[in-house]
């Protein structure tokens, strides 16, 4: 089964799965350097529904969010790595700064974010509740982030000798 899909193809697949009674969960992010925090988060996210959709920020949207030096890994490679995880059912890449347009288009049953986001600041939280969905917050995996990895590498190799 192909996991990395354009949004229109993904919507058609999700509609078929809904007709079978499946619940759809949606999460998003940059997932630049995959680390244990990502794995634990995504494994927990899968437990919230039958199908887990991951919306992956495109390279251009990552640059807008994280700065010109990111992403470190391109969108196609990030998507391929994430597609290898058994707990992710589908991946779609989005260009926008936020996933709001995609959330409104796909209308998932569950919107998932990490515990570092208060519900009122989660993009799409108001919208998902309008169609009877819910927001699930996965506890943050403290200290596990791509930013922390990048900073550690900088300290190790870019010291002022």
N, C-alpha and C. Protein backbone atom coordinates (compact mmCIF):
# COMPACT_ATOMS: atom_id res chain seq x y z
N UNK A 1 0.84 -1.18 0.00
CA UNK A 1 0.00 0.00 0.00
C UNK A 1 0.89 1.24 0.00
N UNK A 2 0.57 2.15 -0.88
CA UNK A 2 1.30 3.41 -0.93
C UNK A 2 0.82 4.31 0.20
N UNK A 3 1.77 4.88 0.95
CA UNK A 3 1.42 5.71 2.10
C UNK A 3 1.52 7.20 1.83
N UNK A 4 2.41 7.61 0.94
CA UNK A 4 2.63 9.03 0.68
C UNK A 4 1.72 9.45 -0.47
N UNK A 5 0.73 10.29 -0.15
CA UNK A 5 -0.32 10.61 -1.12
C UNK A 5 -0.53 12.11 -1.25
N UNK A 6 -0.94 12.52 -2.43
CA UNK A 6 -1.41 13.90 -2.65
C UNK A 6 -2.74 14.03 -1.90
N UNK A 7 -3.08 15.26 -1.53
CA UNK A 7 -4.25 15.46 -0.68
C UNK A 7 -5.57 14.97 -1.28
N UNK A 8 -5.76 15.10 -2.60
CA UNK A 8 -7.02 14.64 -3.20
C UNK A 8 -7.15 13.12 -3.15
N UNK A 9 -6.06 12.43 -3.44
CA UNK A 9 -6.06 10.96 -3.36
C UNK A 9 -6.29 10.52 -1.92
N UNK A 10 -5.65 11.22 -1.00
CA UNK A 10 -5.81 10.91 0.42
C UNK A 10 -7.26 11.09 0.85
N UNK A 11 -7.89 12.18 0.45
CA UNK A 11 -9.29 12.42 0.82
C UNK A 11 -10.18 11.28 0.34
N UNK A 12 -9.98 10.83 -0.90
CA UNK A 12 -10.78 9.72 -1.44
C UNK A 12 -10.58 8.44 -0.63
N UNK A 13 -9.35 8.15 -0.26
CA UNK A 13 -9.07 6.94 0.55
C UNK A 13 -9.74 7.05 1.92
N UNK A 14 -9.63 8.23 2.52
CA UNK A 14 -10.22 8.42 3.85
C UNK A 14 -11.74 8.30 3.81
N UNK A 15 -12.36 8.80 2.75
CA UNK A 15 -13.82 8.67 2.63
C UNK A 15 -14.24 7.21 2.56
N UNK A 16 -13.49 6.39 1.84
CA UNK A 16 -13.78 4.95 1.77
C UNK A 16 -13.61 4.30 3.14
N UNK A 17 -12.56 4.67 3.85
CA UNK A 17 -12.33 4.10 5.18
C UNK A 17 -13.41 4.52 6.16
N UNK A 18 -13.88 5.76 6.06
CA UNK A 18 -14.97 6.22 6.92
C UNK A 18 -16.24 5.41 6.69
N UNK A 19 -16.50 5.09 5.42
CA UNK A 19 -17.69 4.28 5.10
C UNK A 19 -17.60 2.89 5.72
N UNK A 20 -16.37 2.45 5.99
CA UNK A 20 -16.15 1.16 6.66
C UNK A 20 -16.20 1.30 8.18
N UNK A 21 -16.46 2.54 8.67
CA UNK A 21 -16.57 2.78 10.10
C UNK A 21 -15.26 3.13 10.79
N UNK A 22 -14.24 3.41 10.03
CA UNK A 22 -12.93 3.73 10.60
C UNK A 22 -12.89 5.18 11.08
N UNK A 23 -12.21 5.40 12.20
CA UNK A 23 -11.97 6.74 12.74
C UNK A 23 -10.61 7.22 12.25
N UNK A 24 -10.55 8.50 11.87
CA UNK A 24 -9.34 9.09 11.28
C UNK A 24 -8.70 10.07 12.26
N UNK A 25 -7.40 9.90 12.52
CA UNK A 25 -6.64 10.83 13.35
C UNK A 25 -5.68 11.59 12.44
N UNK A 26 -5.40 12.83 12.83
CA UNK A 26 -4.56 13.72 12.03
C UNK A 26 -3.54 14.39 12.94
N UNK A 27 -2.29 14.38 12.52
CA UNK A 27 -1.26 15.15 13.19
C UNK A 27 -0.37 15.77 12.13
N UNK A 28 0.44 16.70 12.55
CA UNK A 28 1.32 17.36 11.57
C UNK A 28 2.62 17.77 12.23
N UNK A 29 3.60 18.09 11.39
CA UNK A 29 4.86 18.57 11.92
C UNK A 29 5.95 18.56 10.87
N UNK A 30 7.12 19.02 11.31
CA UNK A 30 8.30 19.10 10.43
C UNK A 30 9.05 17.77 10.37
N UNK A 31 9.22 17.12 11.51
CA UNK A 31 9.89 15.83 11.61
C UNK A 31 11.21 15.84 10.83
N UNK A 32 12.05 16.80 11.17
CA UNK A 32 13.28 17.03 10.42
C UNK A 32 14.30 15.92 10.66
N UNK A 33 14.81 15.79 11.86
CA UNK A 33 15.69 14.66 12.20
C UNK A 33 14.85 13.77 13.11
N UNK A 34 14.55 12.57 12.65
CA UNK A 34 13.69 11.68 13.43
C UNK A 34 14.44 11.22 14.68
N UNK A 35 13.77 11.33 15.83
CA UNK A 35 14.37 10.93 17.10
C UNK A 35 13.32 10.20 17.94
N UNK A 36 13.73 9.71 19.09
CA UNK A 36 12.86 8.90 19.93
C UNK A 36 11.60 9.66 20.36
N UNK A 37 11.68 10.96 20.54
CA UNK A 37 10.49 11.74 20.88
C UNK A 37 9.43 11.63 19.80
N UNK A 38 9.86 11.69 18.53
CA UNK A 38 8.92 11.53 17.42
C UNK A 38 8.28 10.14 17.44
N UNK A 39 9.11 9.13 17.62
CA UNK A 39 8.61 7.75 17.60
C UNK A 39 7.57 7.54 18.70
N UNK A 40 7.89 7.98 19.90
CA UNK A 40 6.95 7.81 21.02
C UNK A 40 5.67 8.59 20.79
N UNK A 41 5.78 9.81 20.30
CA UNK A 41 4.62 10.65 20.02
C UNK A 41 3.72 10.00 18.97
N UNK A 42 4.31 9.57 17.86
CA UNK A 42 3.51 9.00 16.77
C UNK A 42 2.89 7.65 17.16
N UNK A 43 3.60 6.87 17.93
CA UNK A 43 3.04 5.59 18.41
C UNK A 43 1.80 5.86 19.27
N UNK A 44 1.87 6.86 20.14
CA UNK A 44 0.72 7.22 20.97
C UNK A 44 -0.41 7.81 20.13
N UNK A 45 -0.05 8.61 19.14
CA UNK A 45 -1.05 9.22 18.26
C UNK A 45 -1.88 8.14 17.56
N UNK A 46 -1.25 7.07 17.14
CA UNK A 46 -1.95 5.99 16.44
C UNK A 46 -3.02 5.35 17.32
N UNK A 47 -2.81 5.35 18.62
CA UNK A 47 -3.76 4.74 19.55
C UNK A 47 -5.08 5.50 19.64
N UNK A 48 -5.14 6.72 19.09
CA UNK A 48 -6.34 7.55 19.23
C UNK A 48 -7.41 7.24 18.17
N UNK A 49 -7.05 6.49 17.13
CA UNK A 49 -8.01 6.21 16.05
C UNK A 49 -7.54 4.99 15.25
N UNK A 50 -8.35 4.61 14.28
CA UNK A 50 -8.01 3.46 13.43
C UNK A 50 -6.95 3.80 12.39
N UNK A 51 -6.98 5.03 11.91
CA UNK A 51 -6.11 5.47 10.82
C UNK A 51 -5.37 6.73 11.26
N UNK A 52 -4.05 6.74 11.09
CA UNK A 52 -3.26 7.93 11.43
C UNK A 52 -2.72 8.58 10.16
N UNK A 53 -3.11 9.84 9.98
CA UNK A 53 -2.63 10.66 8.86
C UNK A 53 -1.61 11.64 9.42
N UNK A 54 -0.44 11.69 8.79
CA UNK A 54 0.58 12.65 9.17
C UNK A 54 0.73 13.66 8.04
N UNK A 55 0.49 14.93 8.36
CA UNK A 55 0.70 16.01 7.40
C UNK A 55 2.10 16.56 7.65
N UNK A 56 2.94 16.45 6.67
CA UNK A 56 4.35 16.82 6.79
C UNK A 56 4.59 18.19 6.18
N UNK A 57 5.20 19.07 6.97
CA UNK A 57 5.54 20.39 6.43
C UNK A 57 6.52 20.24 5.27
N UNK A 58 6.25 20.95 4.19
CA UNK A 58 7.17 20.97 3.05
C UNK A 58 8.46 21.68 3.45
N UNK A 59 9.48 21.55 2.63
CA UNK A 59 10.74 22.23 2.90
C UNK A 59 10.54 23.74 3.03
N UNK A 60 9.74 24.32 2.14
CA UNK A 60 9.54 25.78 2.19
C UNK A 60 8.81 26.20 3.45
N UNK A 61 7.84 25.43 3.91
CA UNK A 61 7.14 25.81 5.14
C UNK A 61 8.04 25.61 6.36
N UNK A 62 8.90 24.60 6.35
CA UNK A 62 9.84 24.41 7.46
C UNK A 62 10.78 25.62 7.55
N UNK A 63 11.26 26.09 6.40
CA UNK A 63 12.15 27.27 6.40
C UNK A 63 11.45 28.48 7.01
N UNK A 64 10.18 28.66 6.68
CA UNK A 64 9.43 29.80 7.23
C UNK A 64 9.26 29.68 8.75
N UNK A 65 9.12 28.47 9.24
CA UNK A 65 8.90 28.25 10.67
C UNK A 65 10.22 28.21 11.46
N UNK A 66 11.20 27.48 10.94
CA UNK A 66 12.43 27.18 11.68
C UNK A 66 13.64 28.01 11.27
N UNK A 67 13.55 28.69 10.13
CA UNK A 67 14.68 29.48 9.67
C UNK A 67 15.34 28.88 8.44
N UNK A 68 16.20 29.66 7.83
CA UNK A 68 16.82 29.30 6.54
C UNK A 68 17.72 28.08 6.59
N UNK A 69 18.22 27.70 7.77
CA UNK A 69 19.12 26.54 7.85
C UNK A 69 18.37 25.21 7.96
N UNK A 70 17.07 25.26 8.00
CA UNK A 70 16.25 24.05 8.13
C UNK A 70 15.32 23.95 6.94
N UNK A 71 14.88 22.78 6.55
CA UNK A 71 15.17 21.51 7.21
C UNK A 71 16.56 20.99 6.87
N UNK A 72 17.04 20.10 7.70
CA UNK A 72 18.31 19.45 7.44
C UNK A 72 18.12 18.28 6.48
N UNK A 73 16.93 17.71 6.50
CA UNK A 73 16.58 16.58 5.64
C UNK A 73 15.41 17.02 4.77
N UNK A 74 15.50 16.79 3.46
CA UNK A 74 14.46 17.21 2.53
C UNK A 74 13.14 16.49 2.73
N UNK A 75 12.07 17.11 2.22
CA UNK A 75 10.71 16.59 2.43
C UNK A 75 10.50 15.18 1.90
N UNK A 76 11.06 14.86 0.74
CA UNK A 76 10.85 13.51 0.19
C UNK A 76 11.52 12.45 1.06
N UNK A 77 12.71 12.75 1.55
CA UNK A 77 13.40 11.81 2.43
C UNK A 77 12.70 11.70 3.78
N UNK A 78 12.25 12.83 4.32
CA UNK A 78 11.51 12.79 5.59
C UNK A 78 10.25 11.95 5.45
N UNK A 79 9.54 12.14 4.34
CA UNK A 79 8.31 11.37 4.11
C UNK A 79 8.61 9.88 3.98
N UNK A 80 9.67 9.54 3.27
CA UNK A 80 10.04 8.13 3.09
C UNK A 80 10.39 7.48 4.42
N UNK A 81 11.15 8.18 5.25
CA UNK A 81 11.50 7.64 6.56
C UNK A 81 10.25 7.42 7.40
N UNK A 82 9.37 8.40 7.44
CA UNK A 82 8.15 8.30 8.24
C UNK A 82 7.22 7.20 7.72
N UNK A 83 7.20 7.00 6.41
CA UNK A 83 6.36 5.96 5.82
C UNK A 83 6.79 4.56 6.26
N UNK A 84 8.02 4.43 6.71
CA UNK A 84 8.51 3.13 7.17
C UNK A 84 7.91 2.72 8.52
N UNK A 85 7.34 3.68 9.26
CA UNK A 85 6.75 3.36 10.56
C UNK A 85 5.39 2.69 10.37
N UNK A 86 5.20 1.55 11.02
CA UNK A 86 3.94 0.82 10.87
C UNK A 86 2.76 1.55 11.46
N UNK A 87 2.99 2.45 12.39
CA UNK A 87 1.87 3.14 13.05
C UNK A 87 1.40 4.37 12.27
N UNK A 88 2.05 4.72 11.17
CA UNK A 88 1.58 5.81 10.31
C UNK A 88 0.93 5.17 9.09
N UNK A 89 -0.33 5.54 8.85
CA UNK A 89 -1.05 4.95 7.72
C UNK A 89 -0.87 5.75 6.43
N UNK A 90 -0.92 7.09 6.54
CA UNK A 90 -0.80 7.93 5.35
C UNK A 90 -0.01 9.19 5.69
N UNK A 91 0.70 9.69 4.68
CA UNK A 91 1.45 10.93 4.79
C UNK A 91 1.10 11.81 3.60
N UNK A 92 0.91 13.08 3.87
CA UNK A 92 0.75 14.04 2.80
C UNK A 92 1.61 15.26 3.15
N UNK A 93 2.20 15.86 2.15
CA UNK A 93 3.06 17.02 2.35
C UNK A 93 2.23 18.27 2.07
N UNK A 94 2.36 19.27 2.96
CA UNK A 94 1.62 20.51 2.74
C UNK A 94 2.56 21.69 2.71
N UNK A 95 2.22 22.66 1.85
CA UNK A 95 3.05 23.84 1.61
C UNK A 95 2.72 25.01 2.53
N UNK A 96 1.51 25.05 3.04
CA UNK A 96 1.05 26.18 3.83
C UNK A 96 1.81 26.28 5.14
N UNK A 97 1.75 27.45 5.76
CA UNK A 97 2.42 27.67 7.03
C UNK A 97 1.77 26.85 8.15
N UNK A 98 0.45 26.70 8.10
CA UNK A 98 -0.27 25.87 9.07
C UNK A 98 -1.09 24.83 8.31
N UNK A 99 -1.52 23.77 8.99
CA UNK A 99 -2.30 22.73 8.33
C UNK A 99 -3.81 23.00 8.31
N UNK A 100 -4.25 24.21 8.63
CA UNK A 100 -5.68 24.48 8.76
C UNK A 100 -6.46 24.13 7.50
N UNK A 101 -5.98 24.56 6.36
CA UNK A 101 -6.68 24.26 5.10
C UNK A 101 -6.82 22.74 4.91
N UNK A 102 -5.78 22.01 5.21
CA UNK A 102 -5.80 20.55 5.06
C UNK A 102 -6.73 19.89 6.08
N UNK A 103 -6.72 20.38 7.29
CA UNK A 103 -7.63 19.86 8.32
C UNK A 103 -9.08 20.05 7.88
N UNK A 104 -9.41 21.25 7.41
CA UNK A 104 -10.76 21.51 6.94
C UNK A 104 -11.13 20.64 5.74
N UNK A 105 -10.18 20.36 4.89
CA UNK A 105 -10.42 19.54 3.69
C UNK A 105 -10.64 18.06 4.05
N UNK A 106 -9.82 17.54 4.96
CA UNK A 106 -9.89 16.11 5.30
C UNK A 106 -10.91 15.79 6.39
N UNK A 107 -11.24 16.76 7.24
CA UNK A 107 -12.19 16.59 8.35
C UNK A 107 -11.92 15.34 9.18
N UNK A 108 -10.75 15.28 9.82
CA UNK A 108 -10.46 14.11 10.66
C UNK A 108 -11.36 14.05 11.89
N UNK A 109 -11.41 12.87 12.50
CA UNK A 109 -12.19 12.68 13.73
C UNK A 109 -11.42 13.11 14.96
N UNK A 110 -10.10 12.99 14.89
CA UNK A 110 -9.23 13.32 16.02
C UNK A 110 -8.08 14.18 15.50
N UNK A 111 -7.83 15.28 16.18
CA UNK A 111 -6.70 16.16 15.87
C UNK A 111 -5.70 16.01 17.01
N UNK A 112 -4.46 15.68 16.68
CA UNK A 112 -3.46 15.36 17.69
C UNK A 112 -2.30 16.34 17.66
N UNK A 113 -1.88 16.78 18.84
CA UNK A 113 -0.68 17.61 18.98
C UNK A 113 0.03 17.19 20.25
N UNK A 114 1.27 17.63 20.36
CA UNK A 114 2.07 17.33 21.54
C UNK A 114 1.69 18.22 22.71
N UNK A 115 2.07 17.78 23.90
CA UNK A 115 1.72 18.47 25.14
C UNK A 115 2.33 19.85 25.30
N UNK A 116 3.23 20.22 24.39
CA UNK A 116 3.80 21.57 24.46
C UNK A 116 2.85 22.60 23.85
N UNK A 117 1.70 22.14 23.34
CA UNK A 117 0.70 23.03 22.74
C UNK A 117 -0.55 23.05 23.61
N UNK A 118 -0.96 24.22 24.13
CA UNK A 118 -2.26 24.29 24.82
C UNK A 118 -3.38 24.17 23.77
N UNK A 119 -4.46 23.52 24.13
CA UNK A 119 -5.52 23.24 23.16
C UNK A 119 -6.02 24.49 22.44
N UNK A 120 -6.15 25.60 23.15
CA UNK A 120 -6.68 26.80 22.51
C UNK A 120 -5.74 27.36 21.43
N UNK A 121 -4.49 26.93 21.41
CA UNK A 121 -3.55 27.40 20.39
C UNK A 121 -3.31 26.38 19.29
N UNK A 122 -3.97 25.24 19.37
CA UNK A 122 -3.80 24.21 18.34
C UNK A 122 -4.60 24.59 17.12
N UNK A 123 -3.91 24.73 16.00
CA UNK A 123 -4.55 25.08 14.73
C UNK A 123 -5.55 23.98 14.37
N UNK A 124 -6.80 24.38 14.13
CA UNK A 124 -7.85 23.44 13.74
C UNK A 124 -8.68 22.91 14.89
N UNK A 125 -8.33 23.26 16.13
CA UNK A 125 -9.08 22.71 17.27
C UNK A 125 -10.53 23.17 17.29
N UNK A 126 -10.77 24.43 16.97
CA UNK A 126 -12.16 24.93 16.93
C UNK A 126 -12.93 24.26 15.80
N UNK A 127 -12.27 24.15 14.66
CA UNK A 127 -12.93 23.61 13.46
C UNK A 127 -13.31 22.13 13.65
N UNK A 128 -12.41 21.33 14.21
CA UNK A 128 -12.69 19.90 14.36
C UNK A 128 -13.89 19.66 15.28
N UNK A 129 -14.02 20.50 16.28
CA UNK A 129 -15.14 20.35 17.21
C UNK A 129 -16.47 20.67 16.53
N UNK A 130 -16.44 21.54 15.51
CA UNK A 130 -17.67 21.89 14.78
C UNK A 130 -18.28 20.68 14.10
N UNK A 131 -17.45 19.75 13.62
CA UNK A 131 -18.01 18.56 12.96
C UNK A 131 -18.01 17.34 13.86
N UNK A 132 -17.88 17.57 15.17
CA UNK A 132 -18.02 16.48 16.13
C UNK A 132 -16.75 15.73 16.44
N UNK A 133 -15.61 16.23 15.99
CA UNK A 133 -14.34 15.59 16.29
C UNK A 133 -13.80 16.05 17.64
N UNK A 134 -12.63 15.54 17.96
CA UNK A 134 -12.03 15.90 19.24
C UNK A 134 -10.54 16.16 19.09
N UNK A 135 -9.98 16.83 20.08
CA UNK A 135 -8.55 17.11 20.13
C UNK A 135 -7.93 16.17 21.15
N UNK A 136 -6.82 15.54 20.78
CA UNK A 136 -6.06 14.69 21.70
C UNK A 136 -4.67 15.30 21.85
N UNK A 137 -4.26 15.45 23.10
CA UNK A 137 -2.93 16.00 23.37
C UNK A 137 -2.06 14.90 23.95
N UNK A 138 -0.96 14.64 23.27
CA UNK A 138 -0.02 13.61 23.70
C UNK A 138 1.02 14.28 24.59
N UNK A 139 1.27 13.75 25.78
CA UNK A 139 2.26 14.38 26.67
C UNK A 139 3.61 14.57 25.97
N UNK A 140 4.21 15.71 26.25
CA UNK A 140 5.50 16.05 25.65
C UNK A 140 6.58 15.10 26.15
N UNK A 141 7.47 14.72 25.24
CA UNK A 141 8.63 13.92 25.60
C UNK A 141 9.74 14.93 25.91
N UNK A 142 9.89 15.27 27.16
CA UNK A 142 10.79 16.34 27.59
C UNK A 142 12.23 16.11 27.13
N UNK A 143 12.80 17.17 26.57
CA UNK A 143 14.21 17.15 26.19
C UNK A 143 14.52 16.45 24.89
N UNK A 144 13.52 15.93 24.22
CA UNK A 144 13.74 15.21 22.97
C UNK A 144 13.20 16.06 21.83
N UNK A 145 14.12 16.72 21.11
CA UNK A 145 13.69 17.54 19.98
C UNK A 145 14.83 17.66 18.98
N UNK A 146 14.47 17.95 17.74
CA UNK A 146 15.48 18.18 16.72
C UNK A 146 16.32 19.39 17.09
N UNK A 147 15.69 20.43 17.61
CA UNK A 147 16.42 21.63 18.01
C UNK A 147 17.49 21.30 19.04
N UNK A 148 17.16 20.45 20.02
CA UNK A 148 18.15 20.05 21.02
C UNK A 148 19.31 19.28 20.38
N UNK A 149 19.01 18.43 19.42
CA UNK A 149 20.05 17.67 18.72
C UNK A 149 20.97 18.63 17.96
N UNK A 150 20.38 19.58 17.25
CA UNK A 150 21.16 20.55 16.48
C UNK A 150 22.06 21.36 17.41
N UNK A 151 21.51 21.80 18.55
CA UNK A 151 22.30 22.58 19.51
C UNK A 151 23.45 21.76 20.07
N UNK A 152 23.21 20.50 20.35
CA UNK A 152 24.26 19.62 20.87
C UNK A 152 25.39 19.47 19.85
N UNK A 153 25.03 19.30 18.59
CA UNK A 153 26.03 19.18 17.53
C UNK A 153 26.83 20.47 17.41
N UNK A 154 26.14 21.60 17.46
CA UNK A 154 26.84 22.90 17.39
C UNK A 154 27.87 23.04 18.51
N UNK A 155 27.47 22.67 19.72
CA UNK A 155 28.37 22.78 20.88
C UNK A 155 29.58 21.87 20.70
N UNK A 156 29.35 20.69 20.15
CA UNK A 156 30.44 19.73 19.99
C UNK A 156 31.43 20.14 18.90
N UNK A 157 30.93 20.69 17.81
CA UNK A 157 31.78 20.89 16.64
C UNK A 157 32.02 22.35 16.25
N UNK A 158 31.33 23.25 16.88
CA UNK A 158 31.46 24.66 16.49
C UNK A 158 31.92 25.53 17.65
N UNK A 159 32.74 24.98 18.51
CA UNK A 159 33.21 25.76 19.65
C UNK A 159 34.22 26.80 19.20
N UNK A 160 34.36 27.84 19.96
CA UNK A 160 35.28 28.93 19.64
C UNK A 160 36.69 28.61 20.14
N UNK A 161 37.39 27.82 19.39
CA UNK A 161 38.77 27.44 19.77
C UNK A 161 39.76 28.52 19.47
